[in-house]
Amino acid sequence: MKRLMKVISRMVFLLLLVWIPLSCQLPLSSSQKLEQLTKTITVRVFRADEANRLGGSGVLIDRSNNQYWVITNDHVVFDRKLSYKIQTFDGRTYPVQIVSPSPSPKENDLALLTFKTDTPSYSVLTLKASPKMLKEESVLAGGFPFFDDFHQAQDFHFTQGKLMMVLDEPFLGGYQIGYTNLLRNGMSGGPVVNQKGELLGINGMAQDPLLGNPYIFPDGKTVSEKAWQQVSQLSWAISVQTIRDFVQQHYLNPSL
């Protein structure tokens, strides 16, 4: 009888060893799900020769069978003489074609890319028309930043912050959304999303500009010295509505 009890006790102990770790695996929090979503729809954009002087990020916005479309900033791929590639979240790389022409100085700082793949299937983040934007709502900004040695990160990075301003009239380049998230070089073209996982815009202008005055409106006017103190402390993104209008000019898809 004692021997039987020992066997039963040992079996119960072994079952507990298996059950306890499983029971401690908590489900992903909403913030973790948001980070995972943002990671899967963000790509790294870089030169095909893999020189690290140029590069940035982009967002997967649409697909048709095995063809995908990516939105990024034009300044990420401004040299049209070069060839570019993208890297998806699973580490695969693909050559891309730039669909949109180079913009004039007064046009939006946007570029549309496309690539094809016959193997995996990637998620895309639909360009929802005019998602509601609330002042001081929490937003996540993601991308592939450069490090101090000028090498671009191979892994996705993100920063948390708050949306602070939405201009009635955007600055040159289409920059309209101001937010507190810290941006680094290489995060241009990456997504800015709200807590619902909706795309609000794409990164493109970091805080505290070192050269020149980027806060100029299309009519040539600029912000006051007082306003400069405020806007220069924010990062700036191009809104999803501006992106929708741009994409529809170069890629006619009724779903966008």
Foldseek 3Di string as FASTA:
>chain_A
DVVVVVVVVVVVVVVCVVPVVVVPPDDDDLVRVLVVLLQQQKKKKDFPVQDLPATAMWGFADDDQFKTKTKFFCRRVVPVVTWMWIAGQVGDIWTKDWQDDHDDQQEARMTMIMTGDDDDDTDHAHLDADDDADAFAKKKAKFWAADPVSHTHSHMDIWIWTWHFADPAAFRNQWGTWIQTADHPRSGNRFIAGSVSHTFFGFDFGAQDPDDARQAGSVGDGDDPVVCVVRNNTTTGHGSNSVVVVCCVRPPDVRD
